[in-house]
């Protein structure tokens, strides 16, 4: 059973980093054959703690993970490095307080639940007007993976 710093090759990619009691545990980098890369904290072969996940299309998420999902505080960026969403996450969804920056320049800052604007917030439109949103429950903004 490997222990310490290892490099392991899988059929779908590789892992290089800390290993303990037969599991990825501690700091490490996992690369998948499709081009996805995660660099950060692991616990029992699962992304847990702080890290950065990068997709082959150039998008990235930097923040907290729990059970292989974006969970806690984090920032998702477009391929050009501009911020798409900065805020709280729950099980891979915008959830809690956060700010979403749409491609057309509109910005929503407020409360979220499962990727939906939910609760109080402020929508600022690219044409430089602002609307206070009170108890919005169903509006959706396009989220691109």
C-alpha atoms as a PDB file:
ATOM      1  CA  UNK A   1       0.000   0.000   0.000  1.00  0.00           C
ATOM      2  CA  UNK A   2       1.626   3.293  -1.097  1.00  0.00           C
ATOM      3  CA  UNK A   3       2.311   5.913   1.548  1.00  0.00           C
ATOM      4  CA  UNK A   4       3.859   9.365   1.206  1.00  0.00           C
ATOM      5  CA  UNK A   5       4.278  11.211  -2.094  1.00  0.00           C
ATOM      6  CA  UNK A   6       3.354   9.098  -5.141  1.00  0.00           C
ATOM      7  CA  UNK A   7       2.544   9.223  -8.829  1.00  0.00           C
ATOM      8  CA  UNK A   8      -0.183   6.825  -9.877  1.00  0.00           C
ATOM      9  CA  UNK A   9      -1.453   6.151 -13.397  1.00  0.00           C
ATOM     10  CA  UNK A  10      -5.125   5.250 -13.961  1.00  0.00           C
ATOM     11  CA  UNK A  11      -6.933   4.181 -17.128  1.00  0.00           C
ATOM     12  CA  UNK A  12      -8.640   7.601 -17.196  1.00  0.00           C
ATOM     13  CA  UNK A  13      -5.664   9.765 -16.150  1.00  0.00           C
ATOM     14  CA  UNK A  14      -3.178  10.198 -13.315  1.00  0.00           C
ATOM     15  CA  UNK A  15      -2.643  11.421  -9.757  1.00  0.00           C
ATOM     16  CA  UNK A  16       0.482  12.906  -8.250  1.00  0.00           C
ATOM     17  CA  UNK A  17       0.596  13.909  -4.620  1.00  0.00           C
ATOM     18  CA  UNK A  18       0.210  12.764  -1.045  1.00  0.00           C
ATOM     19  CA  UNK A  19      -1.024   9.254  -0.325  1.00  0.00           C
ATOM     20  CA  UNK A  20      -1.932   7.730   3.032  1.00  0.00           C
ATOM     21  CA  UNK A  21      -3.329   4.304   3.936  1.00  0.00           C
ATOM     22  CA  UNK A  22      -4.056   3.509   0.285  1.00  0.00           C
ATOM     23  CA  UNK A  23      -5.930   6.748  -0.474  1.00  0.00           C
ATOM     24  CA  UNK A  24      -5.281  10.151  -2.047  1.00  0.00           C
ATOM     25  CA  UNK A  25      -5.030  12.248   1.094  1.00  0.00           C
ATOM     26  CA  UNK A  26      -3.492  15.721   1.462  1.00  0.00           C
ATOM     27  CA  UNK A  27      -2.246  17.883  -1.433  1.00  0.00           C
ATOM     28  CA  UNK A  28      -2.316  16.418  -4.909  1.00  0.00           C
ATOM     29  CA  UNK A  29      -3.054  16.872  -8.598  1.00  0.00           C
ATOM     30  CA  UNK A  30      -5.463  14.655 -10.523  1.00  0.00           C
ATOM     31  CA  UNK A  31      -5.483  14.832 -14.325  1.00  0.00           C
ATOM     32  CA  UNK A  32      -8.124  13.165 -16.478  1.00  0.00           C
ATOM     33  CA  UNK A  33      -7.528  12.063 -20.060  1.00  0.00           C
ATOM     34  CA  UNK A  34     -10.250  14.439 -21.278  1.00  0.00           C
ATOM     35  CA  UNK A  35      -8.209  17.429 -20.083  1.00  0.00           C
ATOM     36  CA  UNK A  36      -9.861  18.176 -16.714  1.00  0.00           C
ATOM     37  CA  UNK A  37      -7.389  18.932 -13.893  1.00  0.00           C
ATOM     38  CA  UNK A  38      -7.912  19.282 -10.148  1.00  0.00           C
ATOM     39  CA  UNK A  39      -5.134  20.567  -7.917  1.00  0.00           C
ATOM     40  CA  UNK A  40      -5.777  20.794  -4.211  1.00  0.00           C
ATOM     41  CA  UNK A  41      -6.751  18.927  -1.075  1.00  0.00           C
ATOM     42  CA  UNK A  42      -7.924  15.324  -1.027  1.00  0.00           C
ATOM     43  CA  UNK A  43      -9.399  13.067   1.632  1.00  0.00           C
ATOM     44  CA  UNK A  44      -9.949   9.347   0.992  1.00  0.00           C
ATOM     45  CA  UNK A  45      -9.806   9.737  -2.833  1.00  0.00           C
ATOM     46  CA  UNK A  46     -12.348  12.599  -2.772  1.00  0.00           C
ATOM     47  CA  UNK A  47     -11.821  16.326  -3.457  1.00  0.00           C
ATOM     48  CA  UNK A  48     -12.239  17.895  -0.011  1.00  0.00           C
ATOM     49  CA  UNK A  49     -10.903  21.259   1.151  1.00  0.00           C
ATOM     50  CA  UNK A  50      -9.408  24.020  -0.974  1.00  0.00           C
ATOM     51  CA  UNK A  51      -8.482  23.519  -4.584  1.00  0.00           C
ATOM     52  CA  UNK A  52      -8.714  24.542  -8.218  1.00  0.00           C
ATOM     53  CA  UNK A  53     -10.604  22.645 -10.910  1.00  0.00           C
ATOM     54  CA  UNK A  54      -9.941  23.450 -14.580  1.00  0.00           C
ATOM     55  CA  UNK A  55     -12.026  22.289 -17.531  1.00  0.00           C
ATOM     56  CA  UNK A  56     -10.542  21.697 -21.005  1.00  0.00           C
ATOM     57  CA  UNK A  57     -12.544  24.677 -22.373  1.00  0.00           C
ATOM     58  CA  UNK A  58     -10.579  27.051 -20.106  1.00  0.00           C
ATOM     59  CA  UNK A  59     -13.200  27.596 -17.393  1.00  0.00           C
ATOM     60  CA  UNK A  60     -12.058  27.196 -13.819  1.00  0.00           C
ATOM     61  CA  UNK A  61     -13.345  27.026 -10.256  1.00  0.00           C
ATOM     62  CA  UNK A  62     -11.164  27.994  -7.321  1.00  0.00           C
ATOM     63  CA  UNK A  63     -12.436  27.511  -3.814  1.00  0.00           C
ATOM     64  CA  UNK A  64     -13.757  24.947  -1.406  1.00  0.00           C
ATOM     65  CA  UNK A  65     -14.814  21.381  -2.212  1.00  0.00           C
ATOM     66  CA  UNK A  66     -16.761  18.774  -0.288  1.00  0.00           C
ATOM     67  CA  UNK A  67     -17.337  15.210  -1.497  1.00  0.00           C
ATOM     68  CA  UNK A  68     -16.037  15.982  -5.034  1.00  0.00           C
ATOM     69  CA  UNK A  69     -18.345  19.027  -5.423  1.00  0.00           C
ATOM     70  CA  UNK A  70     -17.973  22.810  -5.260  1.00  0.00           C
ATOM     71  CA  UNK A  71     -19.157  23.520  -1.727  1.00  0.00           C
ATOM     72  CA  UNK A  72     -18.434  26.562   0.450  1.00  0.00           C
ATOM     73  CA  UNK A  73     -16.827  29.742  -0.860  1.00  0.00           C
ATOM     74  CA  UNK A  74     -15.547  29.831  -4.433  1.00  0.00           C
ATOM     75  CA  UNK A  75     -15.032  31.668  -7.704  1.00  0.00           C
ATOM     76  CA  UNK A  76     -15.882  30.335 -11.163  1.00  0.00           C
ATOM     77  CA  UNK A  77     -14.143  32.004 -14.114  1.00  0.00           C
ATOM     78  CA  UNK A  78     -14.708  32.185 -17.872  1.00  0.00           C
ATOM     79  CA  UNK A  79     -11.939  30.974 -20.219  1.00  0.00           C
ATOM     80  CA  UNK A  80     -10.673  34.570 -20.575  1.00  0.00           C
ATOM     81  CA  UNK A  81     -10.159  34.758 -16.796  1.00  0.00           C
ATOM     82  CA  UNK A  82     -13.090  37.064 -16.099  1.00  0.00           C
ATOM     83  CA  UNK A  83     -15.293  36.106 -13.153  1.00  0.00           C
ATOM     84  CA  UNK A  84     -18.601  34.346 -13.824  1.00  0.00           C
ATOM     85  CA  UNK A  85     -19.668  33.804 -10.197  1.00  0.00           C
ATOM     86  CA  UNK A  86     -18.105  34.734  -6.864  1.00  0.00           C
ATOM     87  CA  UNK A  87     -19.858  33.494  -3.774  1.00  0.00           C
ATOM     88  CA  UNK A  88     -21.208  30.569  -1.827  1.00  0.00           C
ATOM     89  CA  UNK A  89     -21.752  27.107  -3.295  1.00  0.00           C
ATOM     90  CA  UNK A  90     -23.626  24.018  -2.167  1.00  0.00           C
ATOM     91  CA  UNK A  91     -23.179  20.669  -3.933  1.00  0.00           C
ATOM     92  CA  UNK A  92     -22.057  22.279  -7.248  1.00  0.00           C
ATOM     93  CA  UNK A  93     -24.827  24.936  -7.211  1.00  0.00           C
ATOM     94  CA  UNK A  94     -24.764  28.696  -6.563  1.00  0.00           C
ATOM     95  CA  UNK A  95     -26.312  28.666  -3.094  1.00  0.00           C
ATOM     96  CA  UNK A  96     -26.206  31.392  -0.432  1.00  0.00           C
ATOM     97  CA  UNK A  97     -24.853  34.889  -1.120  1.00  0.00           C
ATOM     98  CA  UNK A  98     -22.993  35.590  -4.305  1.00  0.00           C
ATOM     99  CA  UNK A  99     -22.465  37.709  -7.393  1.00  0.00           C
ATOM    100  CA  UNK A 100     -23.110  36.501 -10.943  1.00  0.00           C
ATOM    101  CA  UNK A 101     -21.618  38.364 -13.906  1.00  0.00           C
ATOM    102  CA  UNK A 102     -23.507  37.604 -17.117  1.00  0.00           C
ATOM    103  CA  UNK A 103     -21.894  37.680 -20.545  1.00  0.00           C
ATOM    104  CA  UNK A 104     -23.955  40.729 -21.554  1.00  0.00           C
ATOM    105  CA  UNK A 105     -22.646  42.776 -18.609  1.00  0.00           C
ATOM    106  CA  UNK A 106     -25.609  42.408 -16.241  1.00  0.00           C
ATOM    107  CA  UNK A 107     -24.632  41.700 -12.634  1.00  0.00           C
ATOM    108  CA  UNK A 108     -26.776  40.125  -9.907  1.00  0.00           C
ATOM    109  CA  UNK A 109     -25.627  40.309  -6.286  1.00  0.00           C
ATOM    110  CA  UNK A 110     -27.782  38.617  -3.716  1.00  0.00           C
ATOM    111  CA  UNK A 111     -29.184  35.365  -2.482  1.00  0.00           C
ATOM    112  CA  UNK A 112     -29.190  32.099  -4.429  1.00  0.00           C
ATOM    113  CA  UNK A 113     -30.698  28.653  -4.012  1.00  0.00           C
ATOM    114  CA  UNK A 114     -29.718  25.754  -6.303  1.00  0.00           C
ATOM    115  CA  UNK A 115     -28.531  28.083  -9.140  1.00  0.00           C
ATOM    116  CA  UNK A 116     -31.685  30.253  -8.961  1.00  0.00           C
ATOM    117  CA  UNK A 117     -31.847  33.845  -7.744  1.00  0.00           C
ATOM    118  CA  UNK A 118     -33.819  33.330  -4.558  1.00  0.00           C
ATOM    119  CA  UNK A 119     -34.413  35.888  -1.823  1.00  0.00           C
ATOM    120  CA  UNK A 120     -33.120  39.448  -1.785  1.00  0.00           C
ATOM    121  CA  UNK A 121     -30.656  40.891  -4.231  1.00  0.00           C
ATOM    122  CA  UNK A 122     -29.803  43.656  -6.647  1.00  0.00           C
ATOM    123  CA  UNK A 123     -29.684  43.330 -10.433  1.00  0.00           C
ATOM    124  CA  UNK A 124     -27.505  45.897 -12.172  1.00  0.00           C
ATOM    125  CA  UNK A 125     -28.031  46.003 -15.905  1.00  0.00           C
ATOM    126  CA  UNK A 126     -25.290  46.723 -18.417  1.00  0.00           C
ATOM    127  CA  UNK A 127     -27.147  49.899 -19.375  1.00  0.00           C
ATOM    128  CA  UNK A 128     -26.255  51.186 -15.874  1.00  0.00           C
ATOM    129  CA  UNK A 129     -29.610  50.976 -14.169  1.00  0.00           C
ATOM    130  CA  UNK A 130     -30.267  49.067 -10.974  1.00  0.00           C
ATOM    131  CA  UNK A 131     -33.262  47.193  -9.630  1.00  0.00           C
ATOM    132  CA  UNK A 132     -33.720  45.886  -6.109  1.00  0.00           C
ATOM    133  CA  UNK A 133     -35.070  42.360  -6.163  1.00  0.00           C
ATOM    134  CA  UNK A 134     -37.255  41.443  -3.219  1.00  0.00           C
ATOM    135  CA  UNK A 135     -37.958  37.781  -2.610  1.00  0.00           C
ATOM    136  CA  UNK A 136     -37.298  36.634  -6.152  1.00  0.00           C
ATOM    137  CA  UNK A 137     -38.028  32.936  -6.337  1.00  0.00           C
ATOM    138  CA  UNK A 138     -37.969  31.658  -9.899  1.00  0.00           C
ATOM    139  CA  UNK A 139     -35.684  33.698 -12.158  1.00  0.00           C
ATOM    140  CA  UNK A 140     -32.805  31.852 -13.789  1.00  0.00           C
ATOM    141  CA  UNK A 141     -29.658  33.083 -15.460  1.00  0.00           C
ATOM    142  CA  UNK A 142     -27.860  30.937 -17.988  1.00  0.00           C
ATOM    143  CA  UNK A 143     -25.041  28.925 -16.384  1.00  0.00           C
ATOM    144  CA  UNK A 144     -22.465  27.467 -18.740  1.00  0.00           C
ATOM    145  CA  UNK A 145     -20.223  24.553 -17.719  1.00  0.00           C
END
